[in-house]
Amino acid sequence: MKTVQIYLDTIAKVASFVDVISEYDYDCNLSSGEYLTDARSALGIFSLNLLRPMELTIHTENEVDEMLEALEEYMHPE
């Protein structure tokens, strides 16, 4: 399992993030505070607080370097 901070502050970023993350078979969740949603669900993402960074949890034991590289533009510096 790998966890990173993601920042999606525009509708366009949410849409492109969902497109990128949907290319991978790993189960992924986004959380903001006590709320959790499937990272592939644009509607679910819009239910989270987009004004703050969110936590992306990638549920896999496999290498996720390729996925993290593809998501680099959405990552928030920790």
C-alpha atoms as a PDB file:
ATOM      1  CA  MET A   1       0.000   0.000   0.000  1.00  0.00           C
ATOM      2  CA  LYS A   2       1.257   3.486  -0.898  1.00  0.00           C
ATOM      3  CA  THR A   3      -0.142   6.836   0.262  1.00  0.00           C
ATOM      4  CA  VAL A   4       0.514  10.268  -1.274  1.00  0.00           C
ATOM      5  CA  GLN A   5      -1.002  13.744  -1.014  1.00  0.00           C
ATOM      6  CA  ILE A   6      -3.045  14.867  -4.044  1.00  0.00           C
ATOM      7  CA  TYR A   7      -4.355  18.360  -4.814  1.00  0.00           C
ATOM      8  CA  LEU A   8      -7.211  18.713  -7.299  1.00  0.00           C
ATOM      9  CA  ASP A   9      -8.279  22.362  -7.271  1.00  0.00           C
ATOM     10  CA  THR A  10     -10.139  22.580 -10.603  1.00  0.00           C
ATOM     11  CA  ILE A  11     -12.801  20.628 -12.456  1.00  0.00           C
ATOM     12  CA  ALA A  12     -10.335  19.996 -15.284  1.00  0.00           C
ATOM     13  CA  LYS A  13      -7.800  18.500 -12.855  1.00  0.00           C
ATOM     14  CA  VAL A  14     -10.439  16.188 -11.376  1.00  0.00           C
ATOM     15  CA  ALA A  15     -11.440  14.990 -14.854  1.00  0.00           C
ATOM     16  CA  SER A  16      -7.871  14.403 -16.022  1.00  0.00           C
ATOM     17  CA  PHE A  17      -6.937  12.740 -12.691  1.00  0.00           C
ATOM     18  CA  VAL A  18      -9.832  10.276 -13.081  1.00  0.00           C
ATOM     19  CA  ASP A  19      -8.725   9.550 -16.671  1.00  0.00           C
ATOM     20  CA  VAL A  20      -5.147   8.836 -15.582  1.00  0.00           C
ATOM     21  CA  ILE A  21      -5.992   6.748 -12.535  1.00  0.00           C
ATOM     22  CA  SER A  22      -8.552   4.690 -14.478  1.00  0.00           C
ATOM     23  CA  GLU A  23      -5.716   3.338 -16.649  1.00  0.00           C
ATOM     24  CA  TYR A  24      -4.426   1.269 -13.707  1.00  0.00           C
ATOM     25  CA  ASP A  25      -5.984  -1.822 -12.139  1.00  0.00           C
ATOM     26  CA  TYR A  26      -5.057  -1.008  -8.547  1.00  0.00           C
ATOM     27  CA  ASP A  27      -7.778  -0.202  -6.024  1.00  0.00           C
ATOM     28  CA  CYS A  28      -7.379   3.460  -5.083  1.00  0.00           C
ATOM     29  CA  ASN A  29      -9.186   5.648  -2.589  1.00  0.00           C
ATOM     30  CA  LEU A  30      -9.159   9.379  -1.937  1.00  0.00           C
ATOM     31  CA  SER A  31      -9.844  10.697   1.532  1.00  0.00           C
ATOM     32  CA  SER A  32     -10.369  14.124   2.997  1.00  0.00           C
ATOM     33  CA  GLY A  33     -10.838  14.216   6.731  1.00  0.00           C
ATOM     34  CA  GLU A  34     -13.292  11.488   7.637  1.00  0.00           C
ATOM     35  CA  TYR A  35     -14.658  11.120   4.087  1.00  0.00           C
ATOM     36  CA  LEU A  36     -13.476   8.399   1.710  1.00  0.00           C
ATOM     37  CA  THR A  37     -14.330   7.748  -1.940  1.00  0.00           C
ATOM     38  CA  ASP A  38     -13.204   5.637  -4.887  1.00  0.00           C
ATOM     39  CA  ALA A  39     -10.480   7.609  -6.681  1.00  0.00           C
ATOM     40  CA  ARG A  40     -12.023   6.656 -10.061  1.00  0.00           C
ATOM     41  CA  SER A  41     -15.316   8.374  -9.223  1.00  0.00           C
ATOM     42  CA  ALA A  42     -15.475  12.004 -10.327  1.00  0.00           C
ATOM     43  CA  LEU A  43     -18.787  12.412  -8.508  1.00  0.00           C
ATOM     44  CA  GLY A  44     -17.236  10.977  -5.353  1.00  0.00           C
ATOM     45  CA  ILE A  45     -14.235  13.301  -5.642  1.00  0.00           C
ATOM     46  CA  PHE A  46     -16.537  16.317  -5.929  1.00  0.00           C
ATOM     47  CA  SER A  47     -18.086  15.303  -2.607  1.00  0.00           C
ATOM     48  CA  LEU A  48     -14.697  15.886  -0.930  1.00  0.00           C
ATOM     49  CA  ASN A  49     -13.183  19.217   0.083  1.00  0.00           C
ATOM     50  CA  LEU A  50     -11.243  20.328  -3.000  1.00  0.00           C
ATOM     51  CA  LEU A  51      -9.775  23.333  -1.208  1.00  0.00           C
ATOM     52  CA  ARG A  52      -7.364  21.121   0.706  1.00  0.00           C
ATOM     53  CA  PRO A  53      -4.966  18.350  -0.301  1.00  0.00           C
ATOM     54  CA  MET A  54      -6.428  14.849  -0.206  1.00  0.00           C
ATOM     55  CA  GLU A  55      -4.791  11.556   0.626  1.00  0.00           C
ATOM     56  CA  LEU A  56      -4.571   9.028  -2.209  1.00  0.00           C
ATOM     57  CA  THR A  57      -4.150   5.455  -1.024  1.00  0.00           C
ATOM     58  CA  ILE A  58      -3.091   2.904  -3.626  1.00  0.00           C
ATOM     59  CA  HIS A  59      -3.889  -0.621  -2.460  1.00  0.00           C
ATOM     60  CA  THR A  60      -1.263  -2.887  -3.984  1.00  0.00           C
ATOM     61  CA  GLU A  61       1.907  -4.663  -3.048  1.00  0.00           C
ATOM     62  CA  ASN A  62       3.252  -4.279  -6.604  1.00  0.00           C
ATOM     63  CA  GLU A  63       5.548  -1.515  -7.767  1.00  0.00           C
ATOM     64  CA  VAL A  64       3.562   1.667  -8.335  1.00  0.00           C
ATOM     65  CA  ASP A  65       6.378   3.852  -9.697  1.00  0.00           C
ATOM     66  CA  GLU A  66       4.817   4.144 -13.163  1.00  0.00           C
ATOM     67  CA  MET A  67       1.478   5.177 -11.687  1.00  0.00           C
ATOM     68  CA  LEU A  68       3.082   7.726  -9.358  1.00  0.00           C
ATOM     69  CA  GLU A  69       5.013   9.207 -12.266  1.00  0.00           C
ATOM     70  CA  ALA A  70       1.776   9.592 -14.249  1.00  0.00           C
ATOM     71  CA  LEU A  71       0.147  11.292 -11.232  1.00  0.00           C
ATOM     72  CA  GLU A  72       3.073  13.620 -10.495  1.00  0.00           C
ATOM     73  CA  GLU A  73       1.299  16.783 -11.670  1.00  0.00           C
ATOM     74  CA  TYR A  74      -1.475  16.182  -9.105  1.00  0.00           C
ATOM     75  CA  MET A  75       0.800  15.502  -6.138  1.00  0.00           C
ATOM     76  CA  HIS A  76       0.994  17.997  -3.335  1.00  0.00           C
ATOM     77  CA  PRO A  77       4.401  18.506  -1.692  1.00  0.00           C
ATOM     78  CA  GLU A  78       4.247  17.021   1.774  1.00  0.00           C
END
